[in-house]
Amino acid sequence: MKFIKLNKELSLSPLKESDFPVFINRINDYNVYRYTVNIPYPYTLQDAYEALKYFAKRSKDFGRETSWSIRMNSEVIGGFGFKTSEDLNETECGYWLAYEFWNQGIMTKVLNKMSDIAFTTYKFKRIFAYTFEENVSSARVLEKCNFKLKDPCIKGYYNKEGKKYNGMLYEKVNPLI
C-alpha cells in the first residue's frame, strides 16, 4: 500500500529524494522537534538520506510499507509510520506535521485512515502511541480517533536535551476482533 488517498488534497505516499527540499524545510522546525523523539534539530540533508534508508529497511523487514509522507497537493507536509515489533499483532504509530498545518484537522484524518488500514489490511490487533505529557494537541488527536488513555503518566519516559519528560500511552484495539 504505497499510495493512500484521503481526499482531494490529502494523500500519503513514501518519501522520495525529490521531496527533500520541501521535506527538510518543513521538518527543520523546533516546534516539530520538541514533541518528537527521533527527529533531530537542526535537520540536515544527511538526516534525510538516513531517514530514507531507515524507512526502506523497515519496510523490507516487515514485508510491506511502514512509512509515508503526508502530502497536501503532492507536497510533503508531515509523516506517519508504523513501527512493528517482534509481536506482529501490534504496532506503534508515530507522526509529525509541519507547524503551519497544525490545528486544521489534518492529523485526525490521517490517523483515522491509518488506523483503519492497520486493522483491515495489516490485521494488527492493537495500535499504540506515546506522546509527551504536555503535548495536548497530540493527545487530543489520539482521543478524537478513539484511542484510549492506557497510562496517563509515565515518569521520565523521554530524555530530550538533557531533561526528562513524562509520557502518556494511548492504545486502540481492533474493533473487528
N, C-alpha and C. Protein backbone atom coordinates (compact mmCIF):
# COMPACT_ATOMS: atom_id res chain seq x y z
N MET A 1 0.85 -1.17 0.00
CA MET A 1 0.00 0.00 0.00
C MET A 1 0.90 1.24 0.00
N LYS A 2 1.30 1.63 -1.19
CA LYS A 2 2.23 2.75 -1.31
C LYS A 2 1.52 4.11 -1.34
N PHE A 3 0.39 4.19 -2.05
CA PHE A 3 -0.31 5.45 -2.18
C PHE A 3 -1.68 5.35 -1.51
N ILE A 4 -1.97 6.31 -0.65
CA ILE A 4 -3.24 6.32 0.09
C ILE A 4 -3.86 7.70 -0.09
N LYS A 5 -5.04 7.73 -0.67
CA LYS A 5 -5.74 8.99 -0.88
C LYS A 5 -6.72 9.22 0.26
N LEU A 6 -6.66 10.39 0.88
CA LEU A 6 -7.59 10.74 1.96
C LEU A 6 -8.75 11.58 1.45
N ASN A 7 -8.44 12.55 0.62
CA ASN A 7 -9.47 13.39 0.00
C ASN A 7 -8.83 14.07 -1.22
N LYS A 8 -9.48 15.06 -1.75
CA LYS A 8 -8.98 15.72 -2.96
C LYS A 8 -7.57 16.29 -2.79
N GLU A 9 -7.28 16.81 -1.60
CA GLU A 9 -5.99 17.46 -1.36
C GLU A 9 -4.96 16.58 -0.65
N LEU A 10 -5.44 15.72 0.26
CA LEU A 10 -4.53 14.97 1.14
C LEU A 10 -4.30 13.54 0.67
N SER A 11 -3.04 13.12 0.75
CA SER A 11 -2.68 11.74 0.43
C SER A 11 -1.44 11.37 1.24
N LEU A 12 -1.12 10.10 1.22
CA LEU A 12 0.11 9.60 1.83
C LEU A 12 0.83 8.73 0.80
N SER A 13 2.13 8.86 0.76
CA SER A 13 2.97 8.02 -0.10
C SER A 13 4.39 8.10 0.44
N PRO A 14 5.24 7.14 0.05
CA PRO A 14 6.61 7.12 0.58
C PRO A 14 7.40 8.38 0.23
N LEU A 15 8.32 8.72 1.11
CA LEU A 15 9.24 9.83 0.89
C LEU A 15 10.17 9.49 -0.26
N LYS A 16 10.44 10.49 -1.11
CA LYS A 16 11.37 10.33 -2.23
C LYS A 16 12.46 11.39 -2.12
N GLU A 17 13.59 11.09 -2.73
CA GLU A 17 14.70 12.05 -2.70
C GLU A 17 14.28 13.39 -3.30
N SER A 18 13.42 13.37 -4.28
CA SER A 18 12.97 14.63 -4.90
C SER A 18 12.13 15.48 -3.93
N ASP A 19 11.66 14.88 -2.83
CA ASP A 19 10.90 15.62 -1.80
C ASP A 19 11.81 16.39 -0.84
N PHE A 20 13.09 16.10 -0.85
CA PHE A 20 13.99 16.60 0.19
C PHE A 20 13.94 18.12 0.42
N PRO A 21 13.96 18.98 -0.62
CA PRO A 21 13.95 20.42 -0.31
C PRO A 21 12.76 20.85 0.55
N VAL A 22 11.55 20.44 0.18
CA VAL A 22 10.36 20.83 0.94
C VAL A 22 10.33 20.08 2.28
N PHE A 23 10.63 18.78 2.25
CA PHE A 23 10.64 17.96 3.45
C PHE A 23 11.58 18.55 4.51
N ILE A 24 12.81 18.83 4.14
CA ILE A 24 13.78 19.36 5.09
C ILE A 24 13.34 20.72 5.62
N ASN A 25 12.82 21.56 4.74
CA ASN A 25 12.35 22.88 5.16
C ASN A 25 11.23 22.77 6.20
N ARG A 26 10.33 21.81 6.01
CA ARG A 26 9.18 21.70 6.91
C ARG A 26 9.53 20.97 8.22
N ILE A 27 10.38 19.96 8.15
CA ILE A 27 10.69 19.19 9.35
C ILE A 27 11.72 19.93 10.23
N ASN A 28 12.47 20.82 9.63
CA ASN A 28 13.53 21.55 10.33
C ASN A 28 12.94 22.74 11.09
N ASP A 29 12.11 22.42 12.07
CA ASP A 29 11.38 23.43 12.84
C ASP A 29 11.40 22.98 14.30
N TYR A 30 11.80 23.85 15.18
CA TYR A 30 11.89 23.50 16.59
C TYR A 30 10.53 23.05 17.14
N ASN A 31 9.44 23.64 16.63
CA ASN A 31 8.10 23.24 17.10
C ASN A 31 7.81 21.77 16.79
N VAL A 32 8.30 21.26 15.67
CA VAL A 32 8.15 19.85 15.31
C VAL A 32 9.08 19.02 16.19
N TYR A 33 10.31 19.42 16.27
CA TYR A 33 11.34 18.69 17.03
C TYR A 33 10.98 18.50 18.50
N ARG A 34 10.43 19.51 19.13
CA ARG A 34 10.25 19.46 20.59
C ARG A 34 9.31 18.36 21.06
N TYR A 35 8.38 17.90 20.21
CA TYR A 35 7.46 16.84 20.61
C TYR A 35 7.70 15.52 19.89
N THR A 36 8.89 15.37 19.32
CA THR A 36 9.23 14.10 18.67
C THR A 36 10.51 13.55 19.29
N VAL A 37 10.69 12.25 19.17
CA VAL A 37 11.85 11.61 19.79
C VAL A 37 12.98 11.38 18.80
N ASN A 38 12.64 10.99 17.58
CA ASN A 38 13.66 10.57 16.63
C ASN A 38 13.98 11.59 15.54
N ILE A 39 13.43 12.77 15.62
CA ILE A 39 13.71 13.81 14.62
C ILE A 39 14.75 14.76 15.20
N PRO A 40 15.93 14.84 14.56
CA PRO A 40 16.96 15.75 15.07
C PRO A 40 16.67 17.21 14.72
N TYR A 41 17.32 18.10 15.43
CA TYR A 41 17.23 19.53 15.15
C TYR A 41 18.59 20.15 15.38
N PRO A 42 19.12 20.87 14.44
CA PRO A 42 18.57 21.11 13.11
C PRO A 42 18.59 19.84 12.26
N TYR A 43 17.71 19.79 11.28
CA TYR A 43 17.57 18.64 10.38
C TYR A 43 18.36 18.91 9.12
N THR A 44 19.23 17.99 8.75
CA THR A 44 20.15 18.20 7.63
C THR A 44 19.80 17.29 6.44
N LEU A 45 20.46 17.54 5.33
CA LEU A 45 20.32 16.69 4.15
C LEU A 45 20.77 15.27 4.49
N GLN A 46 21.84 15.13 5.25
CA GLN A 46 22.30 13.80 5.67
C GLN A 46 21.24 13.07 6.49
N ASP A 47 20.54 13.80 7.37
CA ASP A 47 19.45 13.21 8.15
C ASP A 47 18.36 12.67 7.22
N ALA A 48 18.05 13.42 6.16
CA ALA A 48 17.02 12.99 5.22
C ALA A 48 17.43 11.69 4.51
N TYR A 49 18.70 11.60 4.09
CA TYR A 49 19.18 10.37 3.45
C TYR A 49 19.15 9.19 4.42
N GLU A 50 19.52 9.44 5.67
CA GLU A 50 19.46 8.38 6.69
C GLU A 50 18.02 7.93 6.92
N ALA A 51 17.10 8.86 6.95
CA ALA A 51 15.68 8.53 7.14
C ALA A 51 15.18 7.67 5.98
N LEU A 52 15.53 8.04 4.77
CA LEU A 52 15.11 7.29 3.59
C LEU A 52 15.61 5.85 3.66
N LYS A 53 16.86 5.67 4.06
CA LYS A 53 17.43 4.31 4.21
C LYS A 53 16.71 3.54 5.31
N TYR A 54 16.47 4.21 6.43
CA TYR A 54 15.79 3.58 7.57
C TYR A 54 14.38 3.14 7.18
N PHE A 55 13.64 4.01 6.49
CA PHE A 55 12.27 3.66 6.08
C PHE A 55 12.29 2.46 5.13
N ALA A 56 13.22 2.44 4.19
CA ALA A 56 13.31 1.34 3.23
C ALA A 56 13.62 0.03 3.94
N LYS A 57 14.55 0.05 4.89
CA LYS A 57 14.91 -1.16 5.63
C LYS A 57 13.73 -1.66 6.46
N ARG A 58 13.07 -0.74 7.13
CA ARG A 58 11.94 -1.12 7.97
C ARG A 58 10.82 -1.75 7.14
N SER A 59 10.53 -1.19 5.99
CA SER A 59 9.50 -1.74 5.11
C SER A 59 9.93 -3.10 4.56
N LYS A 60 11.19 -3.23 4.21
CA LYS A 60 11.70 -4.51 3.69
C LYS A 60 11.61 -5.59 4.77
N ASP A 61 12.02 -5.26 5.98
CA ASP A 61 11.98 -6.22 7.09
C ASP A 61 10.55 -6.66 7.40
N PHE A 62 9.61 -5.74 7.29
CA PHE A 62 8.22 -6.05 7.60
C PHE A 62 7.50 -6.70 6.42
N GLY A 63 8.00 -6.46 5.21
CA GLY A 63 7.39 -7.06 4.03
C GLY A 63 6.31 -6.21 3.38
N ARG A 64 6.16 -5.00 3.85
CA ARG A 64 5.22 -4.05 3.25
C ARG A 64 5.55 -2.65 3.76
N GLU A 65 4.91 -1.68 3.18
CA GLU A 65 5.19 -0.27 3.51
C GLU A 65 4.87 0.01 4.98
N THR A 66 5.75 0.76 5.64
CA THR A 66 5.52 1.14 7.04
C THR A 66 5.65 2.65 7.27
N SER A 67 6.11 3.39 6.28
CA SER A 67 6.34 4.83 6.46
C SER A 67 5.82 5.60 5.25
N TRP A 68 5.13 6.69 5.55
CA TRP A 68 4.56 7.51 4.49
C TRP A 68 4.79 8.98 4.78
N SER A 69 4.88 9.75 3.70
CA SER A 69 4.85 11.21 3.82
C SER A 69 3.40 11.64 3.69
N ILE A 70 3.00 12.55 4.53
CA ILE A 70 1.67 13.14 4.42
C ILE A 70 1.81 14.27 3.41
N ARG A 71 0.93 14.29 2.45
CA ARG A 71 1.04 15.27 1.36
C ARG A 71 -0.24 16.08 1.20
N MET A 72 -0.04 17.35 0.92
CA MET A 72 -1.15 18.21 0.53
C MET A 72 -0.84 18.66 -0.89
N ASN A 73 -1.73 18.31 -1.81
CA ASN A 73 -1.49 18.62 -3.22
C ASN A 73 -0.10 18.15 -3.66
N SER A 74 0.25 16.95 -3.25
CA SER A 74 1.51 16.26 -3.60
C SER A 74 2.76 16.77 -2.88
N GLU A 75 2.65 17.82 -2.09
CA GLU A 75 3.80 18.38 -1.39
C GLU A 75 3.85 17.86 0.05
N VAL A 76 5.03 17.45 0.51
CA VAL A 76 5.18 16.90 1.86
C VAL A 76 4.86 17.94 2.92
N ILE A 77 3.96 17.55 3.85
CA ILE A 77 3.63 18.42 4.98
C ILE A 77 3.79 17.69 6.31
N GLY A 78 4.12 16.40 6.26
CA GLY A 78 4.28 15.64 7.50
C GLY A 78 4.66 14.20 7.22
N GLY A 79 4.62 13.40 8.27
CA GLY A 79 4.97 11.99 8.12
C GLY A 79 4.17 11.12 9.08
N PHE A 80 4.03 9.85 8.69
CA PHE A 80 3.32 8.88 9.51
C PHE A 80 4.00 7.53 9.34
N GLY A 81 4.11 6.77 10.44
CA GLY A 81 4.70 5.45 10.31
C GLY A 81 4.20 4.47 11.36
N PHE A 82 4.29 3.18 10.97
CA PHE A 82 4.07 2.09 11.89
C PHE A 82 5.43 1.52 12.26
N LYS A 83 5.64 1.31 13.53
CA LYS A 83 6.87 0.69 14.00
C LYS A 83 6.50 -0.68 14.55
N THR A 84 6.81 -1.69 13.78
CA THR A 84 6.43 -3.04 14.19
C THR A 84 7.48 -3.62 15.12
N SER A 85 7.05 -4.58 15.88
CA SER A 85 7.94 -5.23 16.84
C SER A 85 7.95 -6.73 16.56
N GLU A 86 8.55 -7.47 17.44
CA GLU A 86 8.56 -8.93 17.32
C GLU A 86 7.13 -9.47 17.34
N ASP A 87 6.27 -8.81 18.09
CA ASP A 87 4.87 -9.20 18.17
C ASP A 87 4.14 -8.54 16.99
N LEU A 88 3.93 -9.29 15.94
CA LEU A 88 3.32 -8.73 14.74
C LEU A 88 1.82 -8.49 14.88
N ASN A 89 1.29 -8.69 16.07
CA ASN A 89 -0.12 -8.42 16.32
C ASN A 89 -0.38 -6.97 16.70
N GLU A 90 0.70 -6.23 16.95
CA GLU A 90 0.52 -4.85 17.37
C GLU A 90 1.59 -3.97 16.74
N THR A 91 1.32 -2.68 16.73
CA THR A 91 2.26 -1.72 16.17
C THR A 91 2.17 -0.40 16.92
N GLU A 92 3.29 0.26 16.99
CA GLU A 92 3.32 1.63 17.49
C GLU A 92 3.19 2.54 16.29
N CYS A 93 2.43 3.60 16.43
CA CYS A 93 2.37 4.58 15.35
C CYS A 93 3.01 5.88 15.82
N GLY A 94 3.59 6.57 14.87
CA GLY A 94 4.21 7.86 15.15
C GLY A 94 3.91 8.80 14.00
N TYR A 95 3.92 10.07 14.27
CA TYR A 95 3.58 11.04 13.24
C TYR A 95 4.15 12.41 13.58
N TRP A 96 4.28 13.22 12.56
CA TRP A 96 4.64 14.63 12.72
C TRP A 96 3.93 15.42 11.63
N LEU A 97 3.72 16.69 11.88
CA LEU A 97 3.08 17.56 10.91
C LEU A 97 3.77 18.91 10.97
N ALA A 98 4.04 19.50 9.80
CA ALA A 98 4.66 20.83 9.75
C ALA A 98 3.80 21.82 10.54
N TYR A 99 4.48 22.68 11.27
CA TYR A 99 3.82 23.61 12.19
C TYR A 99 2.71 24.42 11.52
N GLU A 100 2.94 24.84 10.29
CA GLU A 100 1.95 25.70 9.61
C GLU A 100 0.63 24.97 9.33
N PHE A 101 0.61 23.65 9.51
CA PHE A 101 -0.60 22.86 9.25
C PHE A 101 -1.26 22.34 10.54
N TRP A 102 -0.73 22.74 11.69
CA TRP A 102 -1.31 22.32 12.96
C TRP A 102 -2.72 22.89 13.11
N ASN A 103 -3.54 22.19 13.89
CA ASN A 103 -4.89 22.64 14.27
C ASN A 103 -5.82 22.86 13.08
N GLN A 104 -5.67 22.01 12.06
CA GLN A 104 -6.55 22.08 10.89
C GLN A 104 -7.28 20.75 10.67
N GLY A 105 -7.13 19.81 11.61
CA GLY A 105 -7.82 18.53 11.49
C GLY A 105 -7.13 17.53 10.57
N ILE A 106 -5.98 17.88 10.06
CA ILE A 106 -5.27 17.01 9.11
C ILE A 106 -4.83 15.72 9.77
N MET A 107 -4.20 15.83 10.93
CA MET A 107 -3.67 14.62 11.57
C MET A 107 -4.79 13.69 12.04
N THR A 108 -5.91 14.24 12.39
CA THR A 108 -7.06 13.40 12.77
C THR A 108 -7.51 12.57 11.56
N LYS A 109 -7.58 13.20 10.39
CA LYS A 109 -7.95 12.47 9.17
C LYS A 109 -6.93 11.37 8.88
N VAL A 110 -5.65 11.72 8.99
CA VAL A 110 -4.58 10.75 8.71
C VAL A 110 -4.66 9.58 9.69
N LEU A 111 -4.74 9.86 10.97
CA LEU A 111 -4.73 8.80 11.97
C LEU A 111 -5.97 7.90 11.86
N ASN A 112 -7.12 8.47 11.58
CA ASN A 112 -8.32 7.65 11.38
C ASN A 112 -8.13 6.69 10.21
N LYS A 113 -7.64 7.20 9.09
CA LYS A 113 -7.44 6.36 7.90
C LYS A 113 -6.38 5.29 8.16
N MET A 114 -5.28 5.67 8.79
CA MET A 114 -4.19 4.72 9.02
C MET A 114 -4.57 3.68 10.07
N SER A 115 -5.43 4.04 11.01
CA SER A 115 -5.94 3.06 11.97
C SER A 115 -6.78 2.01 11.25
N ASP A 116 -7.63 2.47 10.33
CA ASP A 116 -8.43 1.53 9.54
C ASP A 116 -7.53 0.58 8.75
N ILE A 117 -6.51 1.11 8.13
CA ILE A 117 -5.58 0.28 7.35
C ILE A 117 -4.84 -0.69 8.26
N ALA A 118 -4.45 -0.22 9.44
CA ALA A 118 -3.74 -1.09 10.39
C ALA A 118 -4.58 -2.30 10.76
N PHE A 119 -5.88 -2.09 10.93
CA PHE A 119 -6.76 -3.17 11.35
C PHE A 119 -7.27 -4.03 10.18
N THR A 120 -7.63 -3.42 9.09
CA THR A 120 -8.23 -4.18 7.99
C THR A 120 -7.22 -4.78 7.03
N THR A 121 -6.18 -4.03 6.69
CA THR A 121 -5.20 -4.51 5.71
C THR A 121 -4.03 -5.22 6.38
N TYR A 122 -3.49 -4.61 7.44
CA TYR A 122 -2.31 -5.17 8.11
C TYR A 122 -2.69 -6.17 9.19
N LYS A 123 -3.96 -6.18 9.59
CA LYS A 123 -4.50 -7.15 10.56
C LYS A 123 -3.89 -7.04 11.96
N PHE A 124 -3.47 -5.84 12.34
CA PHE A 124 -2.98 -5.65 13.70
C PHE A 124 -4.16 -5.75 14.67
N LYS A 125 -3.89 -6.27 15.85
CA LYS A 125 -4.91 -6.36 16.88
C LYS A 125 -4.93 -5.12 17.76
N ARG A 126 -3.79 -4.41 17.78
CA ARG A 126 -3.67 -3.25 18.67
C ARG A 126 -2.70 -2.25 18.05
N ILE A 127 -3.04 -0.98 18.18
CA ILE A 127 -2.15 0.12 17.79
C ILE A 127 -1.93 0.94 19.05
N PHE A 128 -0.71 1.40 19.25
CA PHE A 128 -0.46 2.26 20.41
C PHE A 128 0.42 3.42 20.00
N ALA A 129 0.38 4.46 20.81
CA ALA A 129 1.17 5.67 20.56
C ALA A 129 1.54 6.31 21.89
N TYR A 130 2.76 6.79 21.95
CA TYR A 130 3.23 7.55 23.10
C TYR A 130 3.24 9.03 22.72
N THR A 131 2.96 9.87 23.69
CA THR A 131 3.06 11.31 23.45
C THR A 131 3.61 11.98 24.70
N PHE A 132 4.26 13.10 24.50
CA PHE A 132 4.73 13.88 25.64
C PHE A 132 3.51 14.34 26.44
N GLU A 133 3.63 14.31 27.75
CA GLU A 133 2.52 14.68 28.63
C GLU A 133 1.98 16.08 28.31
N GLU A 134 2.87 17.00 27.96
CA GLU A 134 2.42 18.37 27.69
C GLU A 134 1.98 18.60 26.25
N ASN A 135 2.04 17.56 25.41
CA ASN A 135 1.60 17.70 24.02
C ASN A 135 0.09 17.46 23.94
N VAL A 136 -0.65 18.45 24.36
CA VAL A 136 -2.10 18.37 24.45
C VAL A 136 -2.73 18.15 23.08
N SER A 137 -2.17 18.76 22.05
CA SER A 137 -2.73 18.62 20.70
C SER A 137 -2.65 17.18 20.21
N SER A 138 -1.53 16.53 20.43
CA SER A 138 -1.39 15.14 20.01
C SER A 138 -2.32 14.23 20.80
N ALA A 139 -2.45 14.48 22.09
CA ALA A 139 -3.38 13.70 22.91
C ALA A 139 -4.80 13.88 22.40
N ARG A 140 -5.15 15.09 22.03
CA ARG A 140 -6.49 15.36 21.51
C ARG A 140 -6.73 14.61 20.19
N VAL A 141 -5.73 14.57 19.31
CA VAL A 141 -5.85 13.82 18.05
C VAL A 141 -6.11 12.35 18.35
N LEU A 142 -5.33 11.78 19.25
CA LEU A 142 -5.50 10.36 19.60
C LEU A 142 -6.90 10.09 20.15
N GLU A 143 -7.37 10.97 21.02
CA GLU A 143 -8.69 10.79 21.61
C GLU A 143 -9.80 10.93 20.57
N LYS A 144 -9.66 11.88 19.65
CA LYS A 144 -10.66 12.03 18.57
C LYS A 144 -10.71 10.79 17.69
N CYS A 145 -9.61 10.06 17.61
CA CYS A 145 -9.54 8.84 16.79
C CYS A 145 -9.82 7.59 17.61
N ASN A 146 -10.43 7.77 18.77
CA ASN A 146 -10.87 6.68 19.64
C ASN A 146 -9.74 5.86 20.25
N PHE A 147 -8.60 6.45 20.42
CA PHE A 147 -7.54 5.81 21.21
C PHE A 147 -7.87 6.08 22.67
N LYS A 148 -7.62 5.10 23.51
CA LYS A 148 -7.90 5.22 24.94
C LYS A 148 -6.59 5.43 25.69
N LEU A 149 -6.67 6.27 26.71
CA LEU A 149 -5.51 6.54 27.55
C LEU A 149 -5.23 5.32 28.41
N LYS A 150 -4.11 4.67 28.18
CA LYS A 150 -3.73 3.44 28.90
C LYS A 150 -2.88 3.77 30.12
N ASP A 151 -1.96 4.72 29.96
CA ASP A 151 -1.08 5.13 31.07
C ASP A 151 -0.94 6.64 31.02
N PRO A 152 -1.58 7.35 31.97
CA PRO A 152 -1.61 8.81 31.90
C PRO A 152 -0.32 9.51 32.29
N CYS A 153 0.60 8.82 32.94
CA CYS A 153 1.84 9.49 33.33
C CYS A 153 2.96 8.48 33.49
N ILE A 154 3.78 8.39 32.46
CA ILE A 154 4.97 7.54 32.53
C ILE A 154 6.12 8.48 32.88
N LYS A 155 6.50 8.47 34.15
CA LYS A 155 7.52 9.39 34.67
C LYS A 155 8.85 9.23 33.94
N GLY A 156 9.38 10.36 33.46
CA GLY A 156 10.70 10.39 32.85
C GLY A 156 10.84 9.54 31.60
N TYR A 157 9.76 9.31 30.87
CA TYR A 157 9.79 8.43 29.71
C TYR A 157 10.71 8.96 28.60
N TYR A 158 10.68 10.27 28.40
CA TYR A 158 11.50 10.87 27.35
C TYR A 158 12.72 11.56 27.96
N ASN A 159 13.85 11.43 27.27
CA ASN A 159 15.06 12.15 27.63
C ASN A 159 15.42 13.01 26.43
N LYS A 160 15.26 14.30 26.57
CA LYS A 160 15.47 15.21 25.45
C LYS A 160 16.20 16.44 25.94
N GLU A 161 17.25 16.79 25.24
CA GLU A 161 18.06 17.97 25.58
C GLU A 161 18.52 17.94 27.03
N GLY A 162 18.83 16.74 27.52
CA GLY A 162 19.33 16.59 28.87
C GLY A 162 18.28 16.67 29.96
N LYS A 163 17.02 16.72 29.58
CA LYS A 163 15.92 16.79 30.55
C LYS A 163 15.04 15.56 30.40
N LYS A 164 14.38 15.20 31.49
CA LYS A 164 13.42 14.10 31.49
C LYS A 164 12.02 14.68 31.36
N TYR A 165 11.22 14.02 30.51
CA TYR A 165 9.84 14.44 30.30
C TYR A 165 8.93 13.24 30.51
N ASN A 166 7.76 13.50 31.06
CA ASN A 166 6.78 12.44 31.24
C ASN A 166 6.09 12.15 29.91
N GLY A 167 5.68 10.90 29.77
CA GLY A 167 4.95 10.49 28.58
C GLY A 167 3.59 9.96 28.94
N MET A 168 2.76 9.79 27.93
CA MET A 168 1.45 9.17 28.08
C MET A 168 1.34 8.09 27.01
N LEU A 169 0.67 7.00 27.34
CA LEU A 169 0.47 5.91 26.41
C LEU A 169 -1.01 5.79 26.05
N TYR A 170 -1.29 5.80 24.75
CA TYR A 170 -2.64 5.61 24.23
C TYR A 170 -2.66 4.32 23.42
N GLU A 171 -3.83 3.68 23.37
CA GLU A 171 -3.97 2.48 22.56
C GLU A 171 -5.35 2.43 21.94
N LYS A 172 -5.41 1.66 20.85
CA LYS A 172 -6.68 1.39 20.19
C LYS A 172 -6.67 -0.08 19.82
N VAL A 173 -7.71 -0.78 20.21
CA VAL A 173 -7.81 -2.21 19.95
C VAL A 173 -8.70 -2.42 18.72
N ASN A 174 -8.32 -3.37 17.91
CA ASN A 174 -9.05 -3.67 16.68
C ASN A 174 -10.51 -4.02 17.01
N PRO A 175 -11.46 -3.22 16.53
CA PRO A 175 -12.87 -3.49 16.83
C PRO A 175 -13.41 -4.71 16.06
N LEU A 176 -12.65 -5.20 15.10
CA LEU A 176 -13.10 -6.34 14.28
C LEU A 176 -12.80 -7.69 14.93
N ILE A 177 -12.11 -7.64 16.08
CA ILE A 177 -11.73 -8.89 16.75
C ILE A 177 -12.72 -9.23 17.85
